[in-house]
Amino acid sequence: MLPKAIKKSVIAGLAFALSLPFTAFGEETPFNLAPPQLNAQTFILMDYNSGAVLAALNPDQRQYPASLTKMMTSYVIGDAIKQGRIRTTDKVTITDSAWGRNFPDSSKMFLNLNQQVSVADLNRGIIIVSGNDACVAMAEHLSGSTQNFIDTMNKYVAQFGLKNTHFTTVHGLDDANQYSSARDMAIIGAHIIRDLPEEYKIYAEKEFTFNKIKQQNRNGLLWDKSMNVDGMKTGHTSQAGYNLVASATNADNMRLISVVMGVSSFKGREIESKKLLQWGFNNFDTFKTIEGGKAVSNQTVYYGSSGEVPLGVLQDAFITVPKGRNADVKARFQLDDKYLYAPLTKGQKVGKVIYQLDGKDIAAVNLQVMQDVEEGGIFGKAWDWLVLTVKSLFD
């Protein structure tokens, strides 16, 4: 039997590749909830836990990302720290190419030539004050050259399944071959939050002082007391306009990620982002439907060392529901194939729970095998063959 929590809904969304147990429907929400009107070329509002897209305008349109690029730069650095390939205490020598003097009229950390700077300070210089010089310094330190670092950035693009993103710089200054989309930026943001929680904490810091120069985080929503915004990143160039990726939580621990791109003013990107986040919190709730690691069904296995296998999800599964509609949702269990055959591998997808509201399929959660099942012995397999043969006579 499925737990009671499964009787909850999801706004049909575009579940993204985050190792979540959701299947991607590839279509917009079927609910008639009009999103707010925003003054942006493109935007998206995504629930972090469920992956549901709650509102969007041209979410796959390719845009100049500007300094939103630094989110991927940050991811590469944060992952290297997590893996132990570099340490936050490591010292980096500032080369001529990373010298702050090479970035006139753009955001920088004000690095000096031949200065010794820690990885921790450079990382903060990238995330908090959007230092272009710090990006080059870290790229050279970690990968030997900026091009090698860019290649790593684009490897993560492929790994995350991003369809409309390509990086050609480590900092985001406009380049004709560099682009991203609102949806892809939301996915990058979700990866930082999920995969690198220590890295994400830096995004909430409001200021950073280096070389006796104090600079504030350009994400003004961090100071907004009416919301609990704890990240993420701003970006601006003459061609990109004003961009902002923001993430916030509410009292129910629901987390939303908003992306607005191509806004016409510095303050406007904050106004539009806040409008989008507040609309999401006012109209939706997110619930855990299946607990990770807990079986929701036991199914017969043929030709295996075990005759039964538990099915569930390895990670907690969530759905996002319009407020007041959670009790109206129904769920049904469905296997991909009529029978399960060994060998089976833990984590293997073998079916799904499909959620339905008002007669429409609105989302699905992949069911996974909870433990390995090896092939059985010859006598057991022969018996299962006989059982299946008899069953086929009555199908």
Protein backbone atom coordinates (compact mmCIF):
# COMPACT_ATOMS: atom_id res chain seq x y z
CA MET A 1 0.00 0.00 0.00
CA LEU A 2 1.15 3.52 -0.75
CA PRO A 3 1.45 5.83 2.27
CA LYS A 4 -1.20 8.46 2.98
CA ALA A 5 1.21 11.18 2.00
CA ILE A 6 0.92 10.01 -1.60
CA LYS A 7 -2.60 11.45 -1.71
CA LYS A 8 -1.19 14.82 -2.55
CA SER A 9 -0.75 16.72 -5.81
CA VAL A 10 1.84 18.32 -7.98
CA ILE A 11 1.67 21.18 -10.30
CA ALA A 12 2.62 19.49 -13.51
CA GLY A 13 6.04 20.53 -14.14
CA LEU A 14 9.18 19.99 -15.97
CA ALA A 15 11.13 17.83 -13.59
CA PHE A 16 14.79 18.39 -14.19
CA ALA A 17 17.85 16.18 -14.06
CA LEU A 18 18.84 16.43 -10.42
CA SER A 19 18.92 12.76 -9.51
CA LEU A 20 15.34 13.20 -8.40
CA PRO A 21 12.84 10.34 -8.84
CA PHE A 22 10.62 12.43 -11.10
CA THR A 23 9.88 11.81 -14.74
CA ALA A 24 9.95 14.78 -17.06
CA PHE A 25 6.57 15.52 -18.59
CA GLY A 26 8.03 18.14 -20.92
CA GLU A 27 4.97 20.36 -20.86
CA GLU A 28 3.74 23.38 -18.93
CA THR A 29 1.38 23.25 -15.97
CA PRO A 30 -2.21 22.28 -16.86
CA PHE A 31 -3.67 24.40 -14.05
CA ASN A 32 -5.37 27.66 -14.82
CA LEU A 33 -3.30 29.78 -12.47
CA ALA A 34 -2.20 32.87 -14.34
CA PRO A 35 1.35 33.86 -13.41
CA PRO A 36 2.15 37.48 -12.61
CA GLN A 37 3.00 39.82 -15.48
CA LEU A 38 6.72 40.55 -15.40
CA ASN A 39 8.84 43.08 -17.25
CA ALA A 40 11.47 40.56 -18.32
CA GLN A 41 12.46 38.99 -21.61
CA THR A 42 12.35 35.55 -20.03
CA PHE A 43 11.68 34.09 -16.59
CA ILE A 44 10.98 30.88 -14.72
CA LEU A 45 9.79 29.90 -11.24
CA MET A 46 10.75 26.40 -10.13
CA ASP A 47 10.13 24.48 -6.94
CA TYR A 48 13.50 23.24 -5.68
CA ASN A 49 12.33 19.99 -4.10
CA SER A 50 9.83 18.74 -6.66
CA GLY A 51 11.32 20.27 -9.79
CA ALA A 52 7.89 21.58 -10.76
CA VAL A 53 7.84 24.62 -13.02
CA LEU A 54 5.17 26.90 -11.59
CA ALA A 55 5.45 29.78 -14.05
CA ALA A 56 7.53 30.55 -17.10
CA LEU A 57 7.91 32.86 -20.08
CA ASN A 58 10.26 31.79 -22.87
CA PRO A 59 12.23 29.66 -20.36
CA ASP A 60 14.38 28.03 -23.05
CA GLN A 61 15.18 31.23 -24.93
CA ARG A 62 18.94 31.69 -25.25
CA GLN A 63 20.21 34.82 -23.53
CA TYR A 64 23.51 36.39 -22.62
CA PRO A 65 23.99 35.13 -19.03
CA ALA A 66 26.40 37.89 -17.95
CA SER A 67 27.66 37.20 -14.41
CA LEU A 68 25.16 34.41 -13.87
CA THR A 69 27.98 32.50 -15.56
CA LYS A 70 29.80 32.68 -12.24
CA MET A 71 27.30 30.23 -10.76
CA MET A 72 28.87 27.51 -12.89
CA THR A 73 32.34 28.86 -12.09
CA SER A 74 31.38 28.59 -8.44
CA TYR A 75 30.08 25.05 -8.93
CA VAL A 76 33.37 23.87 -10.46
CA ILE A 77 35.33 25.41 -7.58
CA GLY A 78 32.95 24.15 -4.89
CA ASP A 79 33.02 20.63 -6.28
CA ALA A 80 36.83 20.65 -6.37
CA ILE A 81 36.86 21.71 -2.70
CA LYS A 82 34.32 19.02 -1.83
CA GLN A 83 36.43 16.35 -3.57
CA GLY A 84 39.58 17.51 -1.79
CA ARG A 85 41.40 18.52 -4.99
CA ILE A 86 41.96 21.99 -3.55
CA ARG A 87 41.64 23.47 -0.07
CA THR A 88 40.16 26.78 1.00
CA THR A 89 43.49 27.62 2.69
CA ASP A 90 45.54 27.13 -0.48
CA LYS A 91 47.32 30.27 -1.66
CA VAL A 92 47.01 31.46 -5.24
CA THR A 93 49.56 33.75 -6.90
CA ILE A 94 47.86 36.46 -8.97
CA THR A 95 49.22 36.46 -12.52
CA ASP A 96 49.14 39.28 -15.02
CA SER A 97 46.00 37.87 -16.69
CA ALA A 98 44.15 37.87 -13.35
CA TRP A 99 45.34 41.32 -12.33
CA GLY A 100 42.42 43.57 -11.47
CA ARG A 101 43.82 46.30 -13.73
CA ASN A 102 42.84 44.15 -16.74
CA PHE A 103 39.12 44.55 -15.98
CA PRO A 104 38.33 48.26 -16.24
CA ASP A 105 34.71 49.30 -15.82
CA SER A 106 33.63 45.82 -14.68
CA SER A 107 33.09 44.07 -11.36
CA LYS A 108 36.27 42.91 -9.70
CA MET A 109 37.88 41.97 -6.41
CA PHE A 110 40.77 44.42 -6.93
CA LEU A 111 43.51 41.81 -7.00
CA ASN A 112 47.14 43.00 -7.19
CA LEU A 113 49.83 41.49 -9.38
CA ASN A 114 51.85 38.71 -7.64
CA GLN A 115 49.63 38.94 -4.56
CA GLN A 116 49.09 35.73 -2.58
CA VAL A 117 45.37 35.18 -2.03
CA SER A 118 43.57 32.23 -0.41
CA VAL A 119 41.08 30.08 -2.30
CA ALA A 120 38.49 31.02 0.36
CA ASP A 121 38.89 34.74 -0.38
CA LEU A 122 38.88 34.26 -4.15
CA ASN A 123 35.74 32.14 -3.92
CA ARG A 124 34.00 34.87 -1.93
CA GLY A 125 35.26 37.42 -4.40
CA ILE A 126 33.50 35.48 -7.16
CA ILE A 127 30.21 34.79 -5.38
CA ILE A 128 29.66 37.92 -3.29
CA VAL A 129 31.23 40.74 -5.33
CA SER A 130 31.24 39.06 -8.76
CA GLY A 131 34.96 39.58 -9.32
CA ASN A 132 36.02 38.89 -12.90
CA ASP A 133 39.67 38.96 -11.80
CA ALA A 134 38.98 36.33 -9.12
CA CYS A 135 37.40 34.04 -11.74
CA VAL A 136 40.53 34.09 -13.87
CA ALA A 137 42.78 33.54 -10.85
CA MET A 138 40.82 30.50 -9.71
CA ALA A 139 40.50 29.06 -13.22
CA GLU A 140 44.27 29.20 -13.69
CA HIS A 141 44.93 27.77 -10.24
CA LEU A 142 42.49 24.89 -10.55
CA SER A 143 42.81 23.95 -14.22
CA GLY A 144 46.09 25.47 -15.41
CA SER A 145 44.36 27.77 -17.90
CA THR A 146 41.02 29.49 -18.35
CA GLN A 147 40.28 27.33 -21.42
CA ASN A 148 40.75 24.10 -19.46
CA PHE A 149 38.44 25.48 -16.77
CA ILE A 150 35.82 26.45 -19.38
CA ASP A 151 35.99 22.91 -20.75
CA THR A 152 35.15 21.64 -17.26
CA MET A 153 32.25 24.08 -17.00
CA ASN A 154 30.82 22.70 -20.24
CA LYS A 155 31.28 19.13 -19.03
CA TYR A 156 28.94 19.97 -16.17
CA VAL A 157 26.56 21.52 -18.69
CA ALA A 158 26.34 18.12 -20.39
CA GLN A 159 26.17 16.26 -17.08
CA PHE A 160 23.24 18.40 -15.90
CA GLY A 161 21.40 17.87 -19.20
CA LEU A 162 21.30 21.59 -20.04
CA LYS A 163 20.00 22.09 -23.56
CA ASN A 164 20.51 25.82 -24.03
CA THR A 165 23.77 26.64 -22.29
CA HIS A 166 27.34 26.99 -23.53
CA PHE A 167 30.18 28.81 -21.80
CA THR A 168 33.15 30.49 -23.48
CA THR A 169 34.32 32.63 -20.53
CA VAL A 170 34.79 32.04 -16.81
CA HIS A 171 33.22 35.36 -15.80
CA GLY A 172 30.34 36.06 -18.18
CA LEU A 173 31.46 39.10 -20.15
CA ASP A 174 29.49 39.02 -23.40
CA ASP A 175 30.63 36.63 -26.11
CA ALA A 176 28.63 35.72 -29.21
CA ASN A 177 29.06 31.99 -28.52
CA GLN A 178 28.14 32.14 -24.83
CA TYR A 179 24.52 31.69 -23.84
CA SER A 180 22.15 30.19 -21.31
CA SER A 181 18.44 30.16 -20.51
CA ALA A 182 16.22 30.82 -17.51
CA ARG A 183 15.46 27.11 -17.13
CA ASP A 184 19.10 26.09 -17.32
CA MET A 185 20.11 28.71 -14.77
CA ALA A 186 17.45 27.44 -12.37
CA ILE A 187 18.86 23.95 -12.74
CA ILE A 188 22.42 25.14 -12.09
CA GLY A 189 21.17 26.96 -9.01
CA ALA A 190 19.41 23.84 -7.74
CA HIS A 191 22.59 21.81 -8.21
CA ILE A 192 24.58 24.27 -6.13
CA ILE A 193 21.99 24.15 -3.33
CA ARG A 194 21.70 20.36 -3.40
CA ASP A 195 25.23 19.22 -4.18
CA LEU A 196 27.30 21.92 -2.46
CA PRO A 197 25.52 23.18 0.68
CA GLU A 198 28.72 24.70 2.10
CA GLU A 199 29.29 26.59 -1.15
CA TYR A 200 25.70 27.80 -1.16
CA LYS A 201 26.05 29.37 2.30
CA ILE A 202 28.40 31.96 0.80
CA TYR A 203 25.63 33.21 -1.51
CA ALA A 204 23.77 34.59 1.53
CA GLU A 205 26.68 36.76 2.69
CA LYS A 206 25.88 40.44 2.24
CA GLU A 207 29.34 41.97 1.96
CA PHE A 208 33.01 41.16 1.47
CA THR A 209 36.12 43.16 2.30
CA PHE A 210 39.42 42.62 0.52
CA ASN A 211 42.46 44.89 0.25
CA LYS A 212 40.58 47.22 2.64
CA ILE A 213 37.85 47.65 0.04
CA LYS A 214 34.35 46.76 1.27
CA GLN A 215 31.81 45.72 -1.38
CA GLN A 216 28.20 44.68 -0.97
CA ASN A 217 26.46 41.70 -2.54
CA ARG A 218 24.49 43.05 -5.51
CA ASN A 219 21.50 40.82 -4.71
CA GLY A 220 19.36 43.40 -2.92
CA LEU A 221 16.74 40.80 -1.97
CA LEU A 222 19.10 39.58 0.75
CA TRP A 223 18.09 42.70 2.71
CA ASP A 224 14.34 42.29 2.12
CA LYS A 225 12.82 41.47 5.52
CA SER A 226 9.49 40.45 4.02
CA MET A 227 11.07 37.33 2.49
CA ASN A 228 13.69 34.76 3.41
CA VAL A 229 15.97 35.06 0.38
CA ASP A 230 19.35 33.36 0.90
CA GLY A 231 20.84 33.55 -2.63
CA MET A 232 21.79 33.56 -5.45
CA LYS A 233 23.43 35.69 -8.19
CA THR A 234 23.07 38.85 -10.23
CA GLY A 235 24.36 39.63 -13.70
CA HIS A 236 24.45 42.61 -16.02
CA THR A 237 26.00 43.66 -19.31
CA SER A 238 24.79 46.05 -21.98
CA GLN A 239 23.66 43.14 -24.16
CA ALA A 240 22.27 40.91 -21.42
CA GLY A 241 20.33 43.55 -19.53
CA TYR A 242 19.79 42.87 -15.82
CA ASN A 243 19.57 39.24 -14.67
CA LEU A 244 18.88 37.71 -11.27
CA VAL A 245 18.66 34.17 -9.95
CA ALA A 246 17.05 34.19 -6.50
CA SER A 247 16.13 31.47 -4.04
CA ALA A 248 13.94 31.76 -0.96
CA THR A 249 12.20 29.59 1.62
CA ASN A 250 9.01 30.07 3.61
CA ALA A 251 7.87 28.96 7.07
CA ASP A 252 6.90 25.53 5.69
CA ASN A 253 10.44 24.94 4.35
CA MET A 254 9.22 25.22 0.79
CA ARG A 255 12.07 26.49 -1.42
CA LEU A 256 11.56 28.27 -4.72
CA ILE A 257 14.10 29.31 -7.33
CA SER A 258 13.30 32.23 -9.60
CA VAL A 259 15.20 33.44 -12.65
CA VAL A 260 14.55 36.70 -14.47
CA MET A 261 16.66 37.68 -17.49
CA GLY A 262 16.73 40.71 -19.72
CA VAL A 263 15.19 43.16 -17.25
CA SER A 264 15.68 46.84 -18.05
CA SER A 265 16.97 48.11 -14.69
CA PHE A 266 19.02 47.21 -11.62
CA LYS A 267 16.07 47.65 -9.24
CA GLY A 268 13.64 46.11 -11.71
CA ARG A 269 15.24 42.68 -11.52
CA GLU A 270 14.63 42.66 -7.75
CA ILE A 271 11.04 43.87 -8.10
CA GLU A 272 10.22 41.24 -10.74
CA SER A 273 11.94 38.44 -8.81
CA LYS A 274 10.11 39.31 -5.61
CA LYS A 275 6.79 39.43 -7.46
CA LEU A 276 7.45 35.96 -8.87
CA LEU A 277 8.56 34.41 -5.57
CA GLN A 278 5.64 35.86 -3.59
CA TRP A 279 3.18 34.61 -6.21
CA GLY A 280 4.63 31.11 -5.88
CA PHE A 281 4.48 31.02 -2.09
CA ASN A 282 0.94 32.42 -2.11
CA ASN A 283 -0.43 29.86 -4.56
CA PHE A 284 1.40 26.56 -3.92
CA ASP A 285 2.61 24.14 -1.28
CA THR A 286 5.17 21.35 -1.55
CA PHE A 287 4.86 18.00 0.23
CA LYS A 288 6.98 14.89 0.60
CA THR A 289 5.02 12.02 -0.93
CA ILE A 290 7.40 9.08 -0.61
CA GLU A 291 10.17 8.75 1.95
CA GLY A 292 13.56 7.87 0.53
CA GLY A 293 14.74 4.37 1.36
CA LYS A 294 11.29 3.19 2.46
CA ALA A 295 9.49 0.54 0.41
CA VAL A 296 6.02 1.38 -0.90
CA SER A 297 5.41 -1.97 -2.57
CA ASN A 298 6.86 -5.49 -2.71
CA GLN A 299 6.76 -7.16 -6.11
CA THR A 300 7.41 -10.70 -7.33
CA VAL A 301 10.71 -11.26 -9.17
CA TYR A 302 11.24 -14.12 -11.63
CA TYR A 303 14.54 -15.90 -12.36
CA GLY A 304 16.11 -14.34 -9.26
CA SER A 305 17.92 -15.41 -6.11
CA SER A 306 15.02 -13.81 -4.25
CA GLY A 307 11.37 -14.19 -5.13
CA GLU A 308 10.41 -10.67 -4.09
CA VAL A 309 11.87 -7.16 -4.22
CA PRO A 310 10.85 -3.93 -2.45
CA LEU A 311 10.14 -0.89 -4.61
CA GLY A 312 10.34 2.75 -3.56
CA VAL A 313 12.65 5.74 -4.09
CA LEU A 314 16.23 6.17 -2.95
CA GLN A 315 15.72 9.89 -2.27
CA ASP A 316 12.69 11.63 -0.82
CA ALA A 317 10.09 12.41 -3.49
CA PHE A 318 8.16 15.68 -3.41
CA ILE A 319 5.22 17.16 -5.27
CA THR A 320 4.03 20.75 -5.52
CA VAL A 321 0.31 21.33 -5.20
CA PRO A 322 -1.96 24.34 -5.65
CA LYS A 323 -3.11 25.45 -2.22
CA GLY A 324 -6.24 23.63 -1.07
CA ARG A 325 -6.08 20.85 -3.69
CA ASN A 326 -3.90 18.23 -2.01
CA ALA A 327 -6.87 16.12 -0.85
CA ASP A 328 -8.25 15.97 -4.40
CA VAL A 329 -5.29 14.14 -5.91
CA LYS A 330 -5.33 10.44 -6.73
CA ALA A 331 -2.39 8.16 -7.35
CA ARG A 332 -1.98 4.91 -9.22
CA PHE A 333 0.82 2.36 -9.33
CA GLN A 334 2.19 1.20 -12.68
CA LEU A 335 5.09 -1.11 -13.63
CA ASP A 336 6.97 -0.52 -16.88
CA ASP A 337 6.68 -4.24 -17.72
CA LYS A 338 4.16 -6.86 -16.69
CA TYR A 339 6.72 -8.91 -14.76
CA LEU A 340 10.05 -8.19 -13.06
CA TYR A 341 13.01 -10.34 -14.10
CA ALA A 342 16.39 -10.74 -12.41
CA PRO A 343 19.03 -9.47 -12.40
CA LEU A 344 17.89 -6.17 -10.87
CA THR A 345 20.15 -3.40 -9.59
CA LYS A 346 19.47 -1.11 -6.65
CA GLY A 347 18.18 2.20 -8.00
CA GLN A 348 16.96 0.69 -11.28
CA LYS A 349 13.72 2.28 -12.51
CA VAL A 350 10.98 -0.32 -12.98
CA GLY A 351 7.75 1.64 -12.75
CA LYS A 352 6.13 4.81 -11.49
CA VAL A 353 3.45 6.31 -9.30
CA ILE A 354 1.27 8.58 -11.42
CA TYR A 355 -0.57 11.49 -9.83
CA GLN A 356 -3.90 12.63 -11.21
CA LEU A 357 -6.04 15.69 -10.56
CA ASP A 358 -9.40 16.44 -12.16
CA GLY A 359 -8.96 13.41 -14.38
CA LYS A 360 -5.58 14.53 -15.75
CA ASP A 361 -2.19 12.92 -15.23
CA ILE A 362 -0.17 15.75 -13.77
CA ALA A 363 3.11 14.19 -12.58
CA ALA A 364 4.88 10.92 -11.98
CA VAL A 365 7.46 9.58 -9.55
CA ASN A 366 9.80 6.86 -10.73
CA LEU A 367 9.73 3.67 -8.68
CA GLN A 368 13.16 2.21 -8.06
CA VAL A 369 14.43 -1.20 -6.97
CA MET A 370 15.51 -0.89 -3.34
CA GLN A 371 18.04 -3.73 -3.34
CA ASP A 372 20.04 -5.84 -5.78
CA VAL A 373 18.54 -9.13 -6.95
CA GLU A 374 20.96 -11.53 -8.59
CA GLU A 375 20.03 -14.32 -10.99
CA GLY A 376 18.85 -17.49 -9.29
CA GLY A 377 20.09 -21.04 -9.69
CA ILE A 378 19.16 -23.31 -12.58
CA PHE A 379 16.39 -25.14 -10.72
CA GLY A 380 14.78 -21.96 -9.44
CA LYS A 381 14.89 -20.44 -12.91
CA ALA A 382 13.36 -23.58 -14.41
CA TRP A 383 10.49 -23.42 -11.93
CA ASP A 384 9.89 -19.73 -12.69
CA TRP A 385 9.84 -20.55 -16.41
CA LEU A 386 7.16 -23.14 -15.77
CA VAL A 387 5.13 -20.66 -13.65
CA LEU A 388 5.31 -18.00 -16.35
CA THR A 389 4.39 -20.49 -19.05
CA VAL A 390 1.26 -21.48 -17.15
CA LYS A 391 0.41 -17.79 -16.52
CA SER A 392 0.74 -17.04 -20.23
CA LEU A 393 -1.98 -19.59 -21.01
CA PHE A 394 -4.46 -17.46 -19.07
CA ASP A 395 -3.35 -14.02 -20.30
